[in-house]
Amino acid sequence: MSENETDMKKVRGFAGIIDNALTPLKTNLKFQTKFGKKSLKFLLNANNVNFAAIITIDHGLLEVESIKNKPPENLKKKKIGWDGYLEMDTQTFLRMAMNRISLLGVAKKWLTGNVKMKGILKLLNLLKMFNSLAELD
């Protein structure tokens, strides 16, 4: 792997924040059991920063990567192969990750166009993942 490829694999910016927030789940047996049979990929794009986060759940293993969100072609489903796509500002993402905003609150933002979602049924698994994080407290 070249130095440039290694540099792009680093978790940075927004993806680093998401990675830090999800770190407790990486070693949690309850999470690994709950998601042990699932293989999912989510793209979280914070529209006010330069990097998006790709969350991969592969049979209970959790990994977060960063990817540049500009140009928009970098985020296409054909290129990344995501199952669910979620776009909003970083503040809303963090409120969601820390269970400070309800599903109803996210739905209101979606109706007003402040949140974009694709693969909504798959995104319910992301919500379950964040709820698992809240259960650790």
Protein backbone atom coordinates (compact mmCIF):
# COMPACT_ATOMS: atom_id res chain seq x y z
CA MET A 1 0.00 0.00 0.00
CA SER A 2 1.44 3.35 -0.97
CA GLU A 3 1.85 6.21 1.49
CA ASN A 4 -0.98 8.14 -0.20
CA GLU A 5 -3.36 5.15 0.13
CA THR A 6 -2.39 4.74 3.79
CA ASP A 7 -3.01 8.45 4.36
CA MET A 8 -6.50 8.16 2.84
CA LYS A 9 -7.31 5.16 5.11
CA LYS A 10 -6.74 7.24 8.28
CA VAL A 11 -9.88 8.05 10.16
CA ARG A 12 -9.98 11.83 10.20
CA GLY A 13 -12.29 14.72 10.91
CA PHE A 14 -15.94 13.83 11.23
CA ALA A 15 -15.23 10.11 10.77
CA GLY A 16 -12.78 10.28 13.69
CA ILE A 17 -15.48 11.73 15.92
CA ILE A 18 -17.92 8.99 14.90
CA ASP A 19 -15.21 6.36 15.40
CA ASN A 20 -14.51 7.64 18.92
CA ALA A 21 -18.22 7.67 19.74
CA LEU A 22 -18.66 4.07 18.54
CA THR A 23 -15.47 2.65 20.07
CA PRO A 24 -17.26 1.13 23.11
CA LEU A 25 -19.32 -1.04 20.74
CA LYS A 26 -16.25 -2.58 19.10
CA THR A 27 -15.57 -4.76 22.15
CA ASN A 28 -19.13 -5.10 23.44
CA LEU A 29 -20.33 -8.72 23.38
CA LYS A 30 -24.00 -7.73 23.40
CA PHE A 31 -23.46 -5.62 20.27
CA GLN A 32 -21.47 -8.39 18.58
CA THR A 33 -24.24 -10.88 19.29
CA LYS A 34 -27.00 -8.52 18.14
CA PHE A 35 -25.23 -7.72 14.85
CA GLY A 36 -23.38 -11.04 14.46
CA LYS A 37 -25.34 -12.13 11.42
CA LYS A 38 -25.50 -8.74 9.70
CA SER A 39 -23.29 -7.27 7.04
CA LEU A 40 -24.10 -3.58 6.48
CA LYS A 41 -22.42 -0.42 5.27
CA PHE A 42 -23.62 3.09 6.11
CA LEU A 43 -22.43 6.37 4.67
CA LEU A 44 -22.78 9.33 7.04
CA ASN A 45 -22.14 12.60 5.26
CA ALA A 46 -21.82 15.69 7.39
CA ASN A 47 -22.54 18.36 4.79
CA ASN A 48 -20.61 21.09 6.60
CA VAL A 49 -17.18 19.36 6.71
CA ASN A 50 -14.76 17.83 4.18
CA PHE A 51 -14.88 14.14 5.11
CA ALA A 52 -17.74 11.66 5.38
CA ALA A 53 -17.76 8.52 7.53
CA ILE A 54 -18.32 4.99 6.29
CA ILE A 55 -19.51 2.65 9.04
CA THR A 56 -19.13 -1.02 8.21
CA ILE A 57 -20.71 -3.76 10.30
CA ASP A 58 -19.44 -7.15 9.22
CA HIS A 59 -20.78 -10.00 11.34
CA GLY A 60 -20.46 -8.11 14.61
CA LEU A 61 -17.22 -6.32 13.74
CA LEU A 62 -17.47 -2.54 13.55
CA GLU A 63 -15.16 -0.35 11.46
CA VAL A 64 -15.24 3.34 10.61
CA GLU A 65 -13.40 4.88 7.65
CA SER A 66 -13.24 8.39 6.28
CA ILE A 67 -13.73 9.46 2.68
CA LYS A 68 -13.61 12.88 1.07
CA ASN A 69 -17.13 14.07 0.36
CA LYS A 70 -16.12 16.31 -2.52
CA PRO A 71 -16.65 15.78 -5.41
CA PRO A 72 -20.11 14.25 -4.83
CA GLU A 73 -19.19 11.30 -7.09
CA ASN A 74 -17.07 9.99 -4.19
CA LEU A 75 -20.29 9.24 -2.28
CA LYS A 76 -22.19 7.37 -4.99
CA LYS A 77 -23.70 4.02 -4.04
CA LYS A 78 -22.08 2.34 -7.06
CA LYS A 79 -18.63 3.45 -5.90
CA ILE A 80 -18.89 2.67 -2.17
CA GLY A 81 -21.67 0.08 -2.03
CA TRP A 82 -23.48 1.54 0.98
CA ASP A 83 -26.76 0.11 2.24
CA GLY A 84 -27.92 3.31 3.93
CA TYR A 85 -27.07 6.98 3.39
CA LEU A 86 -27.61 9.74 5.90
CA GLU A 87 -26.71 13.40 5.36
CA MET A 88 -27.07 16.20 7.88
CA ASP A 89 -24.87 18.71 9.71
CA THR A 90 -22.32 17.52 12.28
CA GLN A 91 -24.23 18.92 15.23
CA THR A 92 -27.30 16.83 14.40
CA PHE A 93 -25.16 13.71 13.88
CA LEU A 94 -23.56 14.14 17.28
CA ARG A 95 -26.92 14.73 18.96
CA MET A 96 -28.15 11.52 17.32
CA ALA A 97 -25.06 9.52 18.32
CA MET A 98 -25.36 10.68 21.93
CA ASN A 99 -29.11 9.94 21.94
CA ARG A 100 -29.93 13.63 22.44
CA ILE A 101 -32.40 13.79 19.53
CA SER A 102 -35.36 11.49 19.07
CA LEU A 103 -36.40 9.65 15.94
CA LEU A 104 -39.27 12.13 15.72
CA GLY A 105 -36.76 15.01 15.83
CA VAL A 106 -34.79 13.49 12.95
CA ALA A 107 -38.05 12.91 11.03
CA LYS A 108 -38.96 16.60 11.43
CA LYS A 109 -35.56 17.61 10.04
CA TRP A 110 -36.07 15.16 7.16
CA LEU A 111 -39.44 16.72 6.32
CA THR A 112 -37.90 20.20 6.28
CA GLY A 113 -35.06 19.03 4.01
CA ASN A 114 -32.29 19.42 6.61
CA VAL A 115 -31.69 15.66 6.61
CA LYS A 116 -31.34 13.40 3.56
CA MET A 117 -31.84 9.64 3.84
CA LYS A 118 -31.60 6.74 1.43
CA GLY A 119 -32.11 3.11 2.34
CA ILE A 120 -34.41 4.02 5.22
CA LEU A 121 -35.18 0.43 6.26
CA LYS A 122 -31.45 -0.34 6.51
CA LEU A 123 -30.92 2.88 8.45
CA LEU A 124 -33.11 1.43 11.21
CA ASN A 125 -30.13 -0.82 11.97
CA LEU A 126 -28.00 2.28 12.43
CA LEU A 127 -30.56 3.59 14.90
CA LYS A 128 -30.41 0.25 16.76
CA MET A 129 -26.63 0.59 16.85
CA PHE A 130 -26.83 4.06 18.38
CA ASN A 131 -29.42 2.77 20.87
CA SER A 132 -26.98 -0.02 21.83
CA LEU A 133 -24.45 2.70 22.55
CA ALA A 134 -26.93 4.49 24.79
CA GLU A 135 -27.62 1.25 26.68
CA LEU A 136 -23.95 1.10 27.74
CA ASP A 137 -24.35 4.16 29.97
